């Protein structure tokens, strides 16, 4: 694992690097992106940086210096070749008083690169009892305030699943803790709209562009009629769901297999689509 923080490439990623008053550390006042690395190169980096900028603006953070982020990503990837891995870019409000109010310090930028294993072809998901708030101040932003996701994912793992899925306050299907959901009903591929409160996933957007699907908000119970379901994310790519709560599903189903094949073809053709 290689770490870059505020212009310095660290030899020891476990060593002291972040001030204890950093607002990202004390109250989760920050945004982040996880970028897939394929053969030493970041995939879809431009799209991820565009979303980082949007998230920072939505949170009211100072403007992101995209050129500096690119330099940091290049530095950590040059320090260690990764055949398959991820880069995490974290941008916080920087040093601040101990409380919710921000200070006037310089924002913190940290970039970490680490290897990762390929995701399994299929997985299991669990619906959690807590709703996603599609009307909240940070709905749709990729912030470091992930405690809700931590609790939900622990709930899922206790039940033998690797992902937890939320409905929103309207009772509509929303998203997983770190994934977007696609499902097939009556032969039609569907996925929740961004108005549901789900994250505007980079993989989600590319699947919509490369394969297509209908964006629609429906009660979460619709998945009970789905003939197949799959998750998409930076670390999962296109991953079939073989069990949702107590219901077994064919996975990967025929549509899932088509989408996965299209994904592999297009990903190999362009590292920054």
Protein backbone atom coordinates (compact mmCIF):
# COMPACT_ATOMS: atom_id res chain seq x y z
CA UNK A 1 0.00 0.00 0.00
CA UNK A 2 1.34 3.41 -0.96
CA UNK A 3 0.08 6.65 0.55
CA UNK A 4 0.33 10.26 -0.59
CA UNK A 5 -0.90 13.03 1.69
CA UNK A 6 -0.69 16.76 1.06
CA UNK A 7 2.30 16.45 -1.26
CA UNK A 8 4.27 13.78 0.59
CA UNK A 9 4.63 10.14 -0.44
CA UNK A 10 4.84 8.12 2.77
CA UNK A 11 6.94 5.00 3.27
CA UNK A 12 4.83 3.80 6.20
CA UNK A 13 1.07 3.98 5.52
CA UNK A 14 0.40 3.12 9.17
CA UNK A 15 2.53 5.96 10.52
CA UNK A 16 1.29 9.35 11.79
CA UNK A 17 -0.02 11.41 8.89
CA UNK A 18 -3.27 13.15 9.81
CA UNK A 19 -3.88 15.75 12.49
CA UNK A 20 -6.35 14.72 15.19
CA UNK A 21 -8.33 17.93 14.59
CA UNK A 22 -8.91 17.21 10.90
CA UNK A 23 -12.64 17.69 10.29
CA UNK A 24 -12.77 14.56 8.17
CA UNK A 25 -11.53 12.57 11.16
CA UNK A 26 -13.60 14.26 13.86
CA UNK A 27 -17.00 14.59 12.15
CA UNK A 28 -16.71 12.94 8.72
CA UNK A 29 -16.58 16.29 6.90
CA UNK A 30 -15.09 15.08 3.66
CA UNK A 31 -15.66 13.38 0.32
CA UNK A 32 -13.93 10.52 -1.41
CA UNK A 33 -13.63 8.39 -4.53
CA UNK A 34 -12.54 4.79 -5.01
CA UNK A 35 -10.99 4.23 -8.44
CA UNK A 36 -10.30 0.82 -9.95
CA UNK A 37 -6.73 0.17 -11.11
CA UNK A 38 -6.20 -2.15 -14.08
CA UNK A 39 -2.64 -3.06 -15.06
CA UNK A 40 -1.27 -0.05 -13.22
CA UNK A 41 -3.70 2.46 -14.72
CA UNK A 42 -6.70 4.16 -13.07
CA UNK A 43 -10.00 3.33 -14.78
CA UNK A 44 -12.49 6.12 -15.56
CA UNK A 45 -10.43 8.60 -13.54
CA UNK A 46 -11.98 11.64 -15.22
CA UNK A 47 -15.52 10.55 -14.27
CA UNK A 48 -14.43 9.89 -10.71
CA UNK A 49 -12.80 13.31 -10.43
CA UNK A 50 -15.90 14.96 -11.86
CA UNK A 51 -17.96 13.32 -9.12
CA UNK A 52 -15.39 14.25 -6.46
CA UNK A 53 -15.75 17.88 -7.53
CA UNK A 54 -19.57 17.67 -7.40
CA UNK A 55 -19.51 16.05 -3.97
CA UNK A 56 -17.11 18.66 -2.61
CA UNK A 57 -19.29 21.47 -3.98
CA UNK A 58 -22.38 19.86 -2.48
CA UNK A 59 -20.71 19.66 0.92
CA UNK A 60 -19.48 23.24 0.68
CA UNK A 61 -15.77 22.38 0.64
CA UNK A 62 -13.18 24.53 -1.16
CA UNK A 63 -12.72 23.73 -4.86
CA UNK A 64 -10.81 20.54 -5.64
CA UNK A 65 -7.49 20.99 -7.44
CA UNK A 66 -7.98 18.26 -10.06
CA UNK A 67 -4.45 18.56 -11.43
CA UNK A 68 -3.04 17.96 -7.96
CA UNK A 69 -5.25 14.91 -7.49
CA UNK A 70 -4.03 13.48 -10.80
CA UNK A 71 -0.41 14.07 -9.75
CA UNK A 72 -1.05 12.27 -6.45
CA UNK A 73 -2.72 9.32 -8.19
CA UNK A 74 0.19 9.05 -10.61
CA UNK A 75 2.68 9.18 -7.73
CA UNK A 76 1.14 6.31 -5.74
CA UNK A 77 0.71 4.15 -8.84
CA UNK A 78 4.30 4.80 -9.95
CA UNK A 79 5.55 3.69 -6.53
CA UNK A 80 3.97 0.23 -6.80
CA UNK A 81 2.66 -1.57 -9.89
CA UNK A 82 -0.83 -2.96 -9.33
CA UNK A 83 -2.20 -5.50 -11.78
CA UNK A 84 -5.59 -5.07 -10.08
CA UNK A 85 -6.19 -2.63 -7.28
CA UNK A 86 -7.92 0.49 -6.14
CA UNK A 87 -6.97 4.08 -5.47
CA UNK A 88 -8.85 5.95 -2.78
CA UNK A 89 -8.88 9.74 -2.99
CA UNK A 90 -10.05 11.48 0.20
CA UNK A 91 -10.60 15.24 0.44
CA UNK A 92 -11.58 16.80 3.77
CA UNK A 93 -12.23 20.24 5.23
CA UNK A 94 -8.87 20.07 7.02
CA UNK A 95 -8.06 21.23 10.57
CA UNK A 96 -11.02 22.64 12.50
CA UNK A 97 -12.30 23.22 16.03
CA UNK A 98 -13.68 20.19 17.87
CA UNK A 99 -17.29 20.42 16.77
CA UNK A 100 -19.44 20.68 13.68
CA UNK A 101 -18.26 24.17 12.72
CA UNK A 102 -15.46 24.35 10.16
CA UNK A 103 -12.19 26.13 10.66
CA UNK A 104 -10.17 28.14 8.17
CA UNK A 105 -7.34 25.71 7.57
CA UNK A 106 -6.23 24.23 4.28
CA UNK A 107 -8.19 21.18 3.09
CA UNK A 108 -6.54 17.78 3.42
CA UNK A 109 -5.94 15.61 0.34
CA UNK A 110 -4.94 11.98 0.80
CA UNK A 111 -4.49 9.32 -1.88
CA UNK A 112 -3.91 5.65 -1.13
CA UNK A 113 -3.29 2.77 -3.56
CA UNK A 114 -3.64 -0.90 -2.64
CA UNK A 115 -4.14 -4.23 -4.42
CA UNK A 116 -7.51 -5.95 -4.44
CA UNK A 117 -8.87 -9.36 -5.39
CA UNK A 118 -11.40 -9.79 -8.20
CA UNK A 119 -14.99 -9.80 -6.96
CA UNK A 120 -16.82 -13.15 -7.05
CA UNK A 121 -19.18 -13.64 -10.00
CA UNK A 122 -22.22 -13.72 -7.70
CA UNK A 123 -23.19 -12.58 -4.21
CA UNK A 124 -26.02 -12.42 -1.67
CA UNK A 125 -27.82 -9.31 -0.48
CA UNK A 126 -30.08 -8.43 2.44
CA UNK A 127 -32.67 -5.66 2.72
CA UNK A 128 -32.01 -3.57 5.82
CA UNK A 129 -34.76 -2.06 7.99
CA UNK A 130 -33.38 1.48 7.89
CA UNK A 131 -34.33 3.83 5.03
CA UNK A 132 -32.07 6.00 2.93
CA UNK A 133 -33.08 9.66 3.20
CA UNK A 134 -33.46 10.88 -0.38
CA UNK A 135 -34.33 14.37 0.91
CA UNK A 136 -31.29 14.79 3.15
CA UNK A 137 -28.64 17.49 2.80
CA UNK A 138 -26.02 15.02 1.57
CA UNK A 139 -28.25 12.72 -0.49
CA UNK A 140 -26.41 11.61 -3.61
CA UNK A 141 -23.01 12.88 -2.40
CA UNK A 142 -20.09 10.53 -1.84
CA UNK A 143 -19.07 11.71 1.60
CA UNK A 144 -16.90 10.13 4.28
CA UNK A 145 -19.91 9.99 6.62
CA UNK A 146 -20.28 6.22 6.22
CA UNK A 147 -21.36 5.09 9.69
CA UNK A 148 -24.85 4.25 8.40
CA UNK A 149 -23.31 2.02 5.75
CA UNK A 150 -21.04 0.35 8.31
CA UNK A 151 -24.02 -0.60 10.48
CA UNK A 152 -26.04 -1.80 7.48
CA UNK A 153 -23.19 -3.89 6.08
CA UNK A 154 -22.56 -5.50 9.48
CA UNK A 155 -26.29 -6.36 9.58
CA UNK A 156 -25.98 -8.03 6.16
CA UNK A 157 -22.83 -9.98 7.00
CA UNK A 158 -24.42 -11.36 10.13
CA UNK A 159 -26.99 -12.86 7.76
CA UNK A 160 -24.50 -14.33 5.32
CA UNK A 161 -24.64 -11.54 2.72
CA UNK A 162 -21.94 -9.24 1.32
CA UNK A 163 -24.15 -6.24 0.61
CA UNK A 164 -27.04 -4.43 2.31
CA UNK A 165 -29.73 -2.74 0.22
CA UNK A 166 -31.79 0.27 1.30
CA UNK A 167 -35.25 1.44 0.41
CA UNK A 168 -35.72 5.21 0.66
CA UNK A 169 -38.25 7.16 2.73
CA UNK A 170 -40.84 6.70 -0.03
CA UNK A 171 -40.39 2.93 0.22
CA UNK A 172 -38.74 2.75 -3.20
CA UNK A 173 -35.71 0.65 -4.04
CA UNK A 174 -32.64 2.87 -3.61
CA UNK A 175 -29.11 1.41 -3.43
CA UNK A 176 -26.61 -0.75 -1.60
CA UNK A 177 -24.02 0.52 0.86
CA UNK A 178 -21.48 0.73 -1.94
CA UNK A 179 -23.33 -0.37 -5.06
CA UNK A 180 -26.15 0.43 -7.44
CA UNK A 181 -28.87 -2.14 -8.16
CA UNK A 182 -30.17 -3.33 -11.53
CA UNK A 183 -33.03 -5.80 -11.91
CA UNK A 184 -35.04 -7.47 -14.67
CA UNK A 185 -38.86 -7.50 -14.63
CA UNK A 186 -40.87 -8.82 -17.59
CA UNK A 187 -37.69 -8.94 -19.64
CA UNK A 188 -36.87 -5.26 -19.04
CA UNK A 189 -33.69 -4.13 -17.31
CA UNK A 190 -34.40 -1.43 -14.72
CA UNK A 191 -32.56 0.63 -12.12
CA UNK A 192 -33.62 3.36 -9.64
CA UNK A 193 -33.41 6.98 -10.77
CA UNK A 194 -30.99 9.40 -9.10
CA UNK A 195 -34.03 11.07 -7.52
CA UNK A 196 -34.31 7.97 -5.32
CA UNK A 197 -31.31 9.26 -3.38
CA UNK A 198 -28.89 6.69 -4.74
CA UNK A 199 -25.33 7.62 -5.59
CA UNK A 200 -24.64 8.52 -9.21
CA UNK A 201 -22.32 5.55 -9.61
CA UNK A 202 -19.64 5.67 -12.30
CA UNK A 203 -20.21 2.01 -13.13
CA UNK A 204 -23.98 2.62 -13.14
CA UNK A 205 -23.58 5.44 -15.67
CA UNK A 206 -21.36 3.35 -17.94
CA UNK A 207 -23.77 0.40 -17.87
CA UNK A 208 -26.58 2.76 -18.88
CA UNK A 209 -24.46 4.12 -21.73
CA UNK A 210 -23.00 0.83 -22.92
CA UNK A 211 -26.00 -1.45 -22.49
CA UNK A 212 -29.07 0.59 -21.52
CA UNK A 213 -31.81 0.22 -18.91
CA UNK A 214 -34.96 2.01 -17.84
CA UNK A 215 -34.51 4.35 -14.89
CA UNK A 216 -37.62 4.11 -12.72
CA UNK A 217 -38.55 4.40 -9.05
CA UNK A 218 -40.65 1.53 -7.75
CA UNK A 219 -41.51 0.07 -4.34
CA UNK A 220 -38.69 -2.14 -3.14
CA UNK A 221 -41.08 -5.10 -3.21
CA UNK A 222 -40.69 -5.10 -7.02
CA UNK A 223 -37.55 -7.18 -6.62
CA UNK A 224 -39.80 -10.02 -5.52
CA UNK A 225 -40.92 -10.19 -9.16
CA UNK A 226 -37.46 -9.79 -10.65
CA UNK A 227 -36.17 -12.67 -12.75
CA UNK A 228 -32.58 -11.58 -12.09
CA UNK A 229 -30.71 -8.91 -10.17
CA UNK A 230 -27.17 -7.62 -10.31
CA UNK A 231 -25.05 -5.05 -8.46
CA UNK A 232 -22.58 -2.66 -10.04
CA UNK A 233 -19.73 -0.73 -8.46
CA UNK A 234 -16.07 0.15 -8.92
CA UNK A 235 -14.91 -2.95 -7.05
CA UNK A 236 -17.68 -5.34 -8.14
CA UNK A 237 -18.03 -4.37 -11.82
CA UNK A 238 -21.18 -6.36 -12.76
CA UNK A 239 -22.00 -8.94 -10.08
CA UNK A 240 -25.02 -11.24 -10.15
CA UNK A 241 -27.20 -11.66 -7.07
CA UNK A 242 -27.98 -15.30 -6.30
CA UNK A 243 -29.97 -14.66 -3.11
CA UNK A 244 -31.97 -11.65 -1.92
CA UNK A 245 -33.10 -12.11 1.67
CA UNK A 246 -34.67 -15.58 1.57
CA UNK A 247 -35.27 -15.74 -2.18
CA UNK A 248 -32.96 -17.67 -4.51
CA UNK A 249 -32.26 -16.10 -7.90
CA UNK A 250 -30.55 -17.46 -11.03
CA UNK A 251 -27.15 -15.83 -11.21
CA UNK A 252 -25.68 -14.77 -13.39
CA UNK A 253 -28.90 -14.61 -15.40
CA UNK A 254 -28.86 -14.09 -19.18
CA UNK A 255 -29.16 -10.29 -19.03
CA UNK A 256 -26.53 -10.09 -16.31
CA UNK A 257 -24.18 -12.21 -18.42
CA UNK A 258 -24.73 -9.94 -21.44
CA UNK A 259 -24.07 -6.81 -19.41
CA UNK A 260 -20.93 -8.34 -17.85
CA UNK A 261 -19.61 -9.30 -21.27
CA UNK A 262 -20.30 -5.84 -22.66
CA UNK A 263 -18.60 -4.32 -19.62
CA UNK A 264 -15.45 -6.43 -20.05
CA UNK A 265 -15.25 -5.56 -23.75
CA UNK A 266 -15.69 -1.82 -23.30
CA UNK A 267 -13.47 -1.58 -20.22
CA UNK A 268 -10.61 -3.20 -22.13
CA UNK A 269 -11.05 -0.77 -25.02
CA UNK A 270 -10.80 2.52 -23.11
CA UNK A 271 -9.20 3.16 -19.72
CA UNK A 272 -10.85 6.57 -19.32
CA UNK A 273 -14.27 6.42 -21.00
